[in-house]
Amino acid sequence: MNLINLIFIFIYLIFGIGMVKNNKYWPFFLFFYIAQLWTIFSVYYIEQGIYITEQNRFSFTTGSTYKLVIQNLVFFNSAMLTLYMLSRLKGKSLKLEAQTANYNYYNKKIYNLVLYLVFIVSLLYISDAILTYLKYRGSFDRFDYYEYSVLYNYPIIKNIFNNIQIFPLILGTLYL
């Protein structure tokens, strides 16, 4: 498993060189790429379990290093593809005079719907944190928060809390 992680890290490094060399948008990605590279090395270091003797004895690899590398490669490839497509579409003009009013009307409706949905979910998170803190007076930590959470026991809210990773993607798409 150690060799697989090193191979994926090497692929990520080669991808970074190619991203800077063949991409006119590389300044947008450089600092984020370096931060993610730092994170990948940290996860690799933690996954090896060599920093604590007891953890080295009982540690095992989980595959989190190469999963993180794959997620970053997918993110950077899709981001560069999106920027490339947007730069290609910017030069072309679309003639949709009759449909533009309808399109803008429905586009604004969808934008407002997604924005309100994300706002409601944010209110759920804040209210859950406040209610849980008031009920247990802060006698929990980040590792056992969901055991004490007041709203996490409701099935619909539990599903929202478990799938919160999709909301940054929705907000990024909405911003785009």
N, C-alpha and C. Protein backbone atom coordinates (compact mmCIF):
# COMPACT_ATOMS: atom_id res chain seq x y z
N MET A 1 0.83 -1.20 0.00
CA MET A 1 0.00 0.00 0.00
C MET A 1 0.88 1.25 0.00
N ASN A 2 2.03 1.19 0.63
CA ASN A 2 2.92 2.34 0.68
C ASN A 2 3.39 2.72 -0.72
N LEU A 3 3.70 1.71 -1.55
CA LEU A 3 4.14 1.97 -2.90
C LEU A 3 3.03 2.61 -3.74
N ILE A 4 1.80 2.16 -3.56
CA ILE A 4 0.66 2.74 -4.29
C ILE A 4 0.49 4.21 -3.92
N ASN A 5 0.60 4.53 -2.63
CA ASN A 5 0.49 5.93 -2.21
C ASN A 5 1.59 6.78 -2.84
N LEU A 6 2.81 6.27 -2.85
CA LEU A 6 3.91 7.02 -3.45
C LEU A 6 3.73 7.21 -4.95
N ILE A 7 3.20 6.21 -5.62
CA ILE A 7 2.94 6.33 -7.06
C ILE A 7 1.89 7.41 -7.32
N PHE A 8 0.82 7.43 -6.53
CA PHE A 8 -0.21 8.45 -6.70
C PHE A 8 0.32 9.85 -6.38
N ILE A 9 1.16 9.97 -5.36
CA ILE A 9 1.76 11.27 -5.06
C ILE A 9 2.66 11.72 -6.21
N PHE A 10 3.40 10.78 -6.81
CA PHE A 10 4.25 11.11 -7.95
C PHE A 10 3.39 11.57 -9.14
N ILE A 11 2.28 10.90 -9.38
CA ILE A 11 1.36 11.31 -10.45
C ILE A 11 0.83 12.72 -10.19
N TYR A 12 0.52 13.01 -8.94
CA TYR A 12 0.03 14.34 -8.58
C TYR A 12 1.10 15.40 -8.82
N LEU A 13 2.35 15.09 -8.50
CA LEU A 13 3.44 16.04 -8.75
C LEU A 13 3.63 16.28 -10.24
N ILE A 14 3.60 15.21 -11.04
CA ILE A 14 3.73 15.35 -12.50
C ILE A 14 2.56 16.17 -13.06
N PHE A 15 1.36 15.93 -12.54
CA PHE A 15 0.20 16.70 -12.96
C PHE A 15 0.39 18.18 -12.65
N GLY A 16 0.96 18.50 -11.50
CA GLY A 16 1.20 19.89 -11.12
C GLY A 16 2.16 20.58 -12.07
N ILE A 17 3.19 19.88 -12.47
CA ILE A 17 4.13 20.45 -13.44
C ILE A 17 3.43 20.70 -14.77
N GLY A 18 2.63 19.74 -15.21
CA GLY A 18 1.88 19.91 -16.45
C GLY A 18 0.85 21.02 -16.36
N MET A 19 0.26 21.18 -15.18
CA MET A 19 -0.75 22.23 -14.99
C MET A 19 -0.12 23.61 -15.11
N VAL A 20 1.05 23.79 -14.55
CA VAL A 20 1.72 25.09 -14.62
C VAL A 20 2.27 25.34 -16.02
N LYS A 21 2.75 24.30 -16.65
CA LYS A 21 3.40 24.47 -17.96
C LYS A 21 2.41 24.70 -19.09
N ASN A 22 1.29 24.01 -19.10
CA ASN A 22 0.39 24.03 -20.25
C ASN A 22 -0.93 24.76 -19.99
N ASN A 23 -0.98 25.61 -18.98
CA ASN A 23 -2.25 26.22 -18.63
C ASN A 23 -2.04 27.72 -18.43
N LYS A 24 -2.84 28.52 -19.10
CA LYS A 24 -2.70 29.97 -18.91
C LYS A 24 -3.35 30.45 -17.63
N TYR A 25 -4.12 29.60 -16.97
CA TYR A 25 -4.77 29.96 -15.71
C TYR A 25 -4.01 29.46 -14.49
N TRP A 26 -2.76 29.09 -14.65
CA TRP A 26 -2.03 28.48 -13.54
C TRP A 26 -1.91 29.38 -12.32
N PRO A 27 -1.90 30.71 -12.42
CA PRO A 27 -1.84 31.49 -11.18
C PRO A 27 -3.06 31.30 -10.28
N PHE A 28 -4.21 30.99 -10.88
CA PHE A 28 -5.41 30.74 -10.08
C PHE A 28 -5.29 29.47 -9.24
N PHE A 29 -4.52 28.52 -9.73
CA PHE A 29 -4.45 27.21 -9.10
C PHE A 29 -3.21 26.98 -8.26
N LEU A 30 -2.18 27.78 -8.43
CA LEU A 30 -0.88 27.47 -7.83
C LEU A 30 -0.94 27.36 -6.32
N PHE A 31 -1.50 28.36 -5.63
CA PHE A 31 -1.50 28.34 -4.17
C PHE A 31 -2.42 27.24 -3.63
N PHE A 32 -3.53 27.02 -4.28
CA PHE A 32 -4.42 25.95 -3.86
C PHE A 32 -3.76 24.59 -4.09
N TYR A 33 -3.02 24.46 -5.20
CA TYR A 33 -2.30 23.21 -5.48
C TYR A 33 -1.24 22.95 -4.41
N ILE A 34 -0.51 23.97 -4.01
CA ILE A 34 0.51 23.80 -2.98
C ILE A 34 -0.12 23.43 -1.65
N ALA A 35 -1.23 24.05 -1.30
CA ALA A 35 -1.91 23.72 -0.05
C ALA A 35 -2.41 22.28 -0.08
N GLN A 36 -2.94 21.85 -1.20
CA GLN A 36 -3.41 20.47 -1.30
C GLN A 36 -2.25 19.49 -1.29
N LEU A 37 -1.12 19.86 -1.87
CA LEU A 37 0.06 19.01 -1.82
C LEU A 37 0.54 18.84 -0.39
N TRP A 38 0.51 19.91 0.37
CA TRP A 38 0.87 19.87 1.78
C TRP A 38 -0.08 18.93 2.53
N THR A 39 -1.36 19.03 2.23
CA THR A 39 -2.36 18.17 2.87
C THR A 39 -2.13 16.71 2.51
N ILE A 40 -1.81 16.45 1.26
CA ILE A 40 -1.56 15.07 0.83
C ILE A 40 -0.36 14.49 1.56
N PHE A 41 0.71 15.27 1.69
CA PHE A 41 1.88 14.79 2.43
C PHE A 41 1.56 14.57 3.90
N SER A 42 0.72 15.43 4.48
CA SER A 42 0.33 15.26 5.89
C SER A 42 -0.49 13.99 6.08
N VAL A 43 -1.42 13.75 5.18
CA VAL A 43 -2.23 12.53 5.27
C VAL A 43 -1.37 11.29 5.09
N TYR A 44 -0.43 11.36 4.16
CA TYR A 44 0.50 10.24 3.95
C TYR A 44 1.32 9.98 5.22
N TYR A 45 1.81 11.04 5.83
CA TYR A 45 2.61 10.92 7.05
C TYR A 45 1.78 10.33 8.19
N ILE A 46 0.56 10.80 8.32
CA ILE A 46 -0.32 10.29 9.39
C ILE A 46 -0.70 8.84 9.11
N GLU A 47 -0.96 8.52 7.84
CA GLU A 47 -1.38 7.17 7.50
C GLU A 47 -0.27 6.14 7.74
N GLN A 48 0.97 6.57 7.65
CA GLN A 48 2.07 5.65 7.90
C GLN A 48 2.22 5.33 9.38
N GLY A 49 1.76 6.23 10.27
CA GLY A 49 1.81 5.98 11.69
C GLY A 49 3.20 5.99 12.27
N ILE A 50 4.11 6.74 11.68
CA ILE A 50 5.50 6.70 12.14
C ILE A 50 5.84 7.81 13.12
N TYR A 51 4.91 8.63 13.47
CA TYR A 51 5.23 9.74 14.35
C TYR A 51 4.95 9.42 15.82
N ILE A 52 4.22 8.38 16.09
CA ILE A 52 3.97 7.94 17.46
C ILE A 52 4.27 6.44 17.51
N THR A 53 5.06 6.02 18.48
CA THR A 53 5.47 4.62 18.55
C THR A 53 4.29 3.68 18.70
N GLU A 54 3.34 4.04 19.56
CA GLU A 54 2.18 3.17 19.76
C GLU A 54 1.33 3.08 18.49
N GLN A 55 1.22 4.20 17.80
CA GLN A 55 0.41 4.17 16.59
C GLN A 55 1.12 3.39 15.49
N ASN A 56 2.42 3.43 15.47
CA ASN A 56 3.17 2.66 14.48
C ASN A 56 2.93 1.18 14.70
N ARG A 57 2.82 0.76 15.93
CA ARG A 57 2.62 -0.65 16.24
C ARG A 57 1.22 -1.12 15.84
N PHE A 58 0.22 -0.27 16.02
CA PHE A 58 -1.16 -0.68 15.79
C PHE A 58 -1.79 -0.03 14.56
N SER A 59 -1.03 0.68 13.76
CA SER A 59 -1.62 1.41 12.64
C SER A 59 -1.80 0.50 11.42
N PHE A 60 -2.68 0.92 10.55
CA PHE A 60 -2.90 0.23 9.29
C PHE A 60 -3.28 1.27 8.26
N THR A 61 -3.02 0.99 7.01
CA THR A 61 -3.32 1.95 5.96
C THR A 61 -4.80 1.88 5.61
N THR A 62 -5.37 3.03 5.38
CA THR A 62 -6.78 3.12 5.05
C THR A 62 -7.03 3.49 3.59
N GLY A 63 -5.99 3.89 2.89
CA GLY A 63 -6.16 4.30 1.51
C GLY A 63 -6.57 5.76 1.36
N SER A 64 -6.49 6.51 2.44
CA SER A 64 -6.94 7.90 2.37
C SER A 64 -6.01 8.77 1.54
N THR A 65 -4.74 8.41 1.44
CA THR A 65 -3.81 9.23 0.66
C THR A 65 -4.16 9.18 -0.82
N TYR A 66 -4.29 8.00 -1.37
CA TYR A 66 -4.56 7.95 -2.81
C TYR A 66 -5.99 8.38 -3.12
N LYS A 67 -6.93 8.23 -2.18
CA LYS A 67 -8.28 8.76 -2.41
C LYS A 67 -8.25 10.28 -2.47
N LEU A 68 -7.45 10.91 -1.60
CA LEU A 68 -7.33 12.37 -1.62
C LEU A 68 -6.65 12.84 -2.91
N VAL A 69 -5.65 12.10 -3.37
CA VAL A 69 -4.99 12.47 -4.62
C VAL A 69 -5.96 12.37 -5.79
N ILE A 70 -6.75 11.32 -5.83
CA ILE A 70 -7.72 11.15 -6.93
C ILE A 70 -8.76 12.27 -6.89
N GLN A 71 -9.25 12.62 -5.70
CA GLN A 71 -10.22 13.71 -5.59
C GLN A 71 -9.62 15.03 -6.07
N ASN A 72 -8.37 15.28 -5.72
CA ASN A 72 -7.73 16.52 -6.16
C ASN A 72 -7.50 16.52 -7.67
N LEU A 73 -7.12 15.39 -8.23
CA LEU A 73 -6.94 15.33 -9.68
C LEU A 73 -8.26 15.58 -10.41
N VAL A 74 -9.33 15.00 -9.92
CA VAL A 74 -10.64 15.24 -10.53
C VAL A 74 -11.02 16.71 -10.40
N PHE A 75 -10.79 17.30 -9.24
CA PHE A 75 -11.13 18.71 -9.05
C PHE A 75 -10.34 19.60 -10.01
N PHE A 76 -9.02 19.45 -10.06
CA PHE A 76 -8.22 20.33 -10.90
C PHE A 76 -8.51 20.12 -12.38
N ASN A 77 -8.72 18.87 -12.79
CA ASN A 77 -9.05 18.63 -14.20
C ASN A 77 -10.39 19.25 -14.57
N SER A 78 -11.39 19.08 -13.72
CA SER A 78 -12.70 19.66 -14.04
C SER A 78 -12.67 21.18 -13.98
N ALA A 79 -11.89 21.75 -13.06
CA ALA A 79 -11.79 23.21 -12.98
C ALA A 79 -11.11 23.77 -14.23
N MET A 80 -10.04 23.14 -14.67
CA MET A 80 -9.35 23.62 -15.88
C MET A 80 -10.22 23.44 -17.11
N LEU A 81 -10.96 22.34 -17.18
CA LEU A 81 -11.85 22.12 -18.30
C LEU A 81 -12.96 23.16 -18.32
N THR A 82 -13.50 23.50 -17.16
CA THR A 82 -14.55 24.51 -17.08
C THR A 82 -14.03 25.87 -17.51
N LEU A 83 -12.84 26.25 -17.05
CA LEU A 83 -12.27 27.53 -17.47
C LEU A 83 -11.98 27.55 -18.96
N TYR A 84 -11.52 26.44 -19.49
CA TYR A 84 -11.26 26.37 -20.93
C TYR A 84 -12.56 26.52 -21.72
N MET A 85 -13.62 25.84 -21.27
CA MET A 85 -14.90 25.93 -21.98
C MET A 85 -15.48 27.34 -21.88
N LEU A 86 -15.36 27.97 -20.72
CA LEU A 86 -15.88 29.33 -20.57
C LEU A 86 -15.12 30.32 -21.44
N SER A 87 -13.81 30.14 -21.56
CA SER A 87 -13.05 31.05 -22.42
C SER A 87 -13.41 30.84 -23.88
N ARG A 88 -13.76 29.63 -24.27
CA ARG A 88 -14.17 29.36 -25.65
C ARG A 88 -15.55 29.95 -25.94
N LEU A 89 -16.46 29.88 -24.96
CA LEU A 89 -17.81 30.39 -25.15
C LEU A 89 -17.87 31.91 -25.09
N LYS A 90 -16.88 32.52 -24.43
CA LYS A 90 -16.91 33.97 -24.27
C LYS A 90 -16.77 34.69 -25.61
N GLY A 91 -16.03 34.12 -26.52
CA GLY A 91 -15.83 34.75 -27.81
C GLY A 91 -17.02 34.62 -28.74
N LYS A 92 -17.84 33.65 -28.53
CA LYS A 92 -19.00 33.42 -29.40
C LYS A 92 -20.21 34.15 -28.85
N SER A 93 -20.98 34.71 -29.73
CA SER A 93 -22.22 35.36 -29.28
C SER A 93 -23.39 34.46 -29.64
N LEU A 94 -24.29 34.33 -28.71
CA LEU A 94 -25.47 33.50 -28.92
C LEU A 94 -26.67 34.40 -29.21
N LYS A 95 -27.37 34.12 -30.28
CA LYS A 95 -28.52 34.92 -30.68
C LYS A 95 -29.80 34.26 -30.19
N LEU A 96 -30.26 34.69 -29.03
CA LEU A 96 -31.48 34.13 -28.46
C LEU A 96 -32.36 35.27 -27.96
N GLU A 97 -32.78 36.14 -28.83
CA GLU A 97 -33.53 37.32 -28.39
C GLU A 97 -34.87 36.93 -27.78
N ALA A 98 -35.58 36.03 -28.39
CA ALA A 98 -36.93 35.70 -27.92
C ALA A 98 -36.89 34.86 -26.65
N GLN A 99 -35.89 34.02 -26.51
CA GLN A 99 -35.82 33.12 -25.36
C GLN A 99 -35.07 33.71 -24.18
N THR A 100 -34.40 34.82 -24.35
CA THR A 100 -33.57 35.37 -23.29
C THR A 100 -34.39 35.78 -22.08
N ALA A 101 -35.54 36.37 -22.28
CA ALA A 101 -36.38 36.81 -21.16
C ALA A 101 -36.85 35.62 -20.33
N ASN A 102 -37.32 34.57 -21.01
CA ASN A 102 -37.73 33.35 -20.31
C ASN A 102 -36.57 32.71 -19.57
N TYR A 103 -35.44 32.62 -20.24
CA TYR A 103 -34.25 32.01 -19.64
C TYR A 103 -33.82 32.76 -18.39
N ASN A 104 -33.77 34.07 -18.44
CA ASN A 104 -33.37 34.87 -17.28
C ASN A 104 -34.37 34.74 -16.14
N TYR A 105 -35.67 34.64 -16.48
CA TYR A 105 -36.69 34.49 -15.45
C TYR A 105 -36.51 33.18 -14.68
N TYR A 106 -36.36 32.06 -15.42
CA TYR A 106 -36.20 30.75 -14.77
C TYR A 106 -34.83 30.63 -14.11
N ASN A 107 -33.83 31.23 -14.69
CA ASN A 107 -32.49 31.21 -14.10
C ASN A 107 -32.51 31.91 -12.74
N LYS A 108 -33.20 33.03 -12.65
CA LYS A 108 -33.30 33.75 -11.39
C LYS A 108 -34.09 32.95 -10.36
N LYS A 109 -35.14 32.26 -10.80
CA LYS A 109 -35.93 31.43 -9.89
C LYS A 109 -35.09 30.28 -9.31
N ILE A 110 -34.33 29.61 -10.16
CA ILE A 110 -33.48 28.51 -9.69
C ILE A 110 -32.40 29.04 -8.75
N TYR A 111 -31.82 30.17 -9.10
CA TYR A 111 -30.79 30.79 -8.25
C TYR A 111 -31.36 31.09 -6.86
N ASN A 112 -32.53 31.68 -6.81
CA ASN A 112 -33.14 32.00 -5.52
C ASN A 112 -33.50 30.74 -4.74
N LEU A 113 -34.01 29.73 -5.42
CA LEU A 113 -34.35 28.47 -4.76
C LEU A 113 -33.12 27.83 -4.10
N VAL A 114 -32.03 27.75 -4.84
CA VAL A 114 -30.81 27.15 -4.29
C VAL A 114 -30.25 28.01 -3.16
N LEU A 115 -30.29 29.30 -3.32
CA LEU A 115 -29.78 30.20 -2.29
C LEU A 115 -30.58 30.07 -1.00
N TYR A 116 -31.90 30.02 -1.11
CA TYR A 116 -32.72 29.85 0.09
C TYR A 116 -32.54 28.48 0.72
N LEU A 117 -32.37 27.45 -0.10
CA LEU A 117 -32.13 26.11 0.42
C LEU A 117 -30.83 26.06 1.24
N VAL A 118 -29.79 26.64 0.72
CA VAL A 118 -28.51 26.66 1.43
C VAL A 118 -28.62 27.51 2.70
N PHE A 119 -29.37 28.58 2.64
CA PHE A 119 -29.58 29.41 3.83
C PHE A 119 -30.33 28.64 4.92
N ILE A 120 -31.34 27.88 4.53
CA ILE A 120 -32.10 27.08 5.50
C ILE A 120 -31.21 26.00 6.13
N VAL A 121 -30.39 25.37 5.33
CA VAL A 121 -29.48 24.36 5.87
C VAL A 121 -28.47 24.99 6.82
N SER A 122 -28.00 26.18 6.50
CA SER A 122 -27.09 26.88 7.41
C SER A 122 -27.78 27.21 8.73
N LEU A 123 -29.03 27.62 8.66
CA LEU A 123 -29.79 27.86 9.89
C LEU A 123 -29.97 26.58 10.70
N LEU A 124 -30.17 25.45 10.02
CA LEU A 124 -30.27 24.17 10.72
C LEU A 124 -28.98 23.86 11.48
N TYR A 125 -27.86 24.07 10.83
CA TYR A 125 -26.57 23.82 11.49
C TYR A 125 -26.38 24.72 12.70
N ILE A 126 -26.67 25.98 12.54
CA ILE A 126 -26.49 26.92 13.65
C ILE A 126 -27.44 26.60 14.79
N SER A 127 -28.69 26.31 14.47
CA SER A 127 -29.65 26.00 15.53
C SER A 127 -29.30 24.69 16.22
N ASP A 128 -28.79 23.71 15.47
CA ASP A 128 -28.38 22.46 16.10
C ASP A 128 -27.21 22.68 17.05
N ALA A 129 -26.26 23.48 16.65
CA ALA A 129 -25.12 23.75 17.53
C ALA A 129 -25.56 24.48 18.80
N ILE A 130 -26.45 25.45 18.65
CA ILE A 130 -26.91 26.21 19.82
C ILE A 130 -27.75 25.32 20.74
N LEU A 131 -28.68 24.56 20.17
CA LEU A 131 -29.53 23.70 20.99
C LEU A 131 -28.71 22.61 21.70
N THR A 132 -27.76 22.03 21.00
CA THR A 132 -26.93 20.99 21.62
C THR A 132 -26.07 21.57 22.73
N TYR A 133 -25.53 22.75 22.50
CA TYR A 133 -24.71 23.38 23.54
C TYR A 133 -25.56 23.71 24.77
N LEU A 134 -26.75 24.25 24.55
CA LEU A 134 -27.61 24.58 25.69
C LEU A 134 -28.08 23.34 26.45
N LYS A 135 -28.33 22.26 25.73
CA LYS A 135 -28.82 21.05 26.39
C LYS A 135 -27.72 20.37 27.22
N TYR A 136 -26.52 20.29 26.68
CA TYR A 136 -25.45 19.55 27.37
C TYR A 136 -24.37 20.47 27.98
N ARG A 137 -24.54 21.75 27.87
CA ARG A 137 -23.63 22.74 28.43
C ARG A 137 -22.17 22.54 27.96
N GLY A 138 -22.02 22.13 26.72
CA GLY A 138 -20.68 22.02 26.13
C GLY A 138 -19.86 20.85 26.61
N SER A 139 -20.50 19.79 27.08
CA SER A 139 -19.75 18.64 27.60
C SER A 139 -19.40 17.63 26.52
N PHE A 140 -19.25 18.06 25.30
CA PHE A 140 -18.91 17.18 24.18
C PHE A 140 -17.75 17.82 23.43
N ASP A 141 -17.13 17.03 22.58
CA ASP A 141 -16.08 17.58 21.72
C ASP A 141 -16.39 17.22 20.27
N ARG A 142 -15.50 17.54 19.39
CA ARG A 142 -15.78 17.36 17.97
C ARG A 142 -15.85 15.89 17.56
N PHE A 143 -15.27 15.00 18.37
CA PHE A 143 -15.28 13.59 18.01
C PHE A 143 -16.59 12.89 18.33
N ASP A 144 -17.31 13.38 19.34
CA ASP A 144 -18.58 12.74 19.71
C ASP A 144 -19.76 13.71 19.61
N TYR A 145 -19.65 14.72 18.76
CA TYR A 145 -20.70 15.72 18.63
C TYR A 145 -22.01 15.11 18.17
N TYR A 146 -21.96 14.22 17.17
CA TYR A 146 -23.20 13.67 16.62
C TYR A 146 -23.88 12.71 17.58
N GLU A 147 -23.16 12.21 18.58
CA GLU A 147 -23.82 11.41 19.61
C GLU A 147 -24.69 12.29 20.51
N TYR A 148 -24.29 13.54 20.69
CA TYR A 148 -25.03 14.46 21.55
C TYR A 148 -25.98 15.37 20.77
N SER A 149 -25.84 15.44 19.47
CA SER A 149 -26.60 16.38 18.66
C SER A 149 -28.11 16.20 18.84
N VAL A 150 -28.80 17.32 18.96
CA VAL A 150 -30.24 17.30 19.18
C VAL A 150 -30.99 17.00 17.89
N LEU A 151 -30.61 17.64 16.80
CA LEU A 151 -31.34 17.50 15.54
C LEU A 151 -30.87 16.32 14.69
N TYR A 152 -29.73 15.73 15.02
CA TYR A 152 -29.18 14.65 14.21
C TYR A 152 -30.03 13.39 14.28
N ASN A 153 -30.85 13.25 15.28
CA ASN A 153 -31.67 12.04 15.43
C ASN A 153 -32.88 12.01 14.50
N TYR A 154 -33.22 13.14 13.89
CA TYR A 154 -34.33 13.17 12.94
C TYR A 154 -33.83 12.70 11.57
N PRO A 155 -34.54 11.78 10.92
CA PRO A 155 -34.01 11.15 9.70
C PRO A 155 -33.71 12.12 8.56
N ILE A 156 -34.57 13.07 8.30
CA ILE A 156 -34.33 13.99 7.18
C ILE A 156 -33.13 14.88 7.46
N ILE A 157 -33.06 15.40 8.67
CA ILE A 157 -31.95 16.28 9.03
C ILE A 157 -30.65 15.49 9.09
N LYS A 158 -30.72 14.24 9.52
CA LYS A 158 -29.53 13.38 9.54
C LYS A 158 -28.99 13.20 8.13
N ASN A 159 -29.87 12.98 7.16
CA ASN A 159 -29.43 12.84 5.77
C ASN A 159 -28.82 14.13 5.24
N ILE A 160 -29.38 15.26 5.61
CA ILE A 160 -28.79 16.54 5.20
C ILE A 160 -27.41 16.72 5.80
N PHE A 161 -27.27 16.43 7.09
CA PHE A 161 -25.98 16.57 7.75
C PHE A 161 -24.94 15.61 7.19
N ASN A 162 -25.36 14.40 6.83
CA ASN A 162 -24.42 13.41 6.29
C ASN A 162 -23.98 13.73 4.87
N ASN A 163 -24.79 14.47 4.12
CA ASN A 163 -24.46 14.78 2.73
C ASN A 163 -24.15 16.25 2.52
N ILE A 164 -23.59 16.88 3.51
CA ILE A 164 -23.30 18.32 3.41
C ILE A 164 -22.17 18.61 2.43
N GLN A 165 -21.39 17.62 2.04
CA GLN A 165 -20.27 17.85 1.12
C GLN A 165 -20.74 18.31 -0.25
N ILE A 166 -21.98 18.07 -0.59
CA ILE A 166 -22.49 18.46 -1.90
C ILE A 166 -22.77 19.97 -1.98
N PHE A 167 -22.95 20.63 -0.84
CA PHE A 167 -23.32 22.04 -0.86
C PHE A 167 -22.22 22.96 -1.40
N PRO A 168 -20.94 22.74 -1.11
CA PRO A 168 -19.93 23.59 -1.78
C PRO A 168 -19.95 23.42 -3.29
N LEU A 169 -20.23 22.20 -3.76
CA LEU A 169 -20.32 21.98 -5.21
C LEU A 169 -21.52 22.74 -5.78
N ILE A 170 -22.64 22.71 -5.07
CA ILE A 170 -23.82 23.45 -5.54
C ILE A 170 -23.54 24.93 -5.55
N LEU A 171 -22.91 25.45 -4.49
CA LEU A 171 -22.62 26.88 -4.45
C LEU A 171 -21.61 27.28 -5.51
N GLY A 172 -20.63 26.43 -5.78
CA GLY A 172 -19.67 26.72 -6.84
C GLY A 172 -20.32 26.75 -8.21
N THR A 173 -21.23 25.81 -8.45
CA THR A 173 -21.96 25.80 -9.71
C THR A 173 -22.87 27.01 -9.82
N LEU A 174 -23.50 27.38 -8.72
CA LEU A 174 -24.36 28.56 -8.70
C LEU A 174 -23.56 29.82 -8.99
N TYR A 175 -22.35 29.92 -8.41
CA TYR A 175 -21.51 31.08 -8.66
C TYR A 175 -21.04 31.13 -10.10
N LEU A 176 -20.79 29.96 -10.67
CA LEU A 176 -20.31 29.89 -12.05
C LEU A 176 -21.38 30.37 -13.01
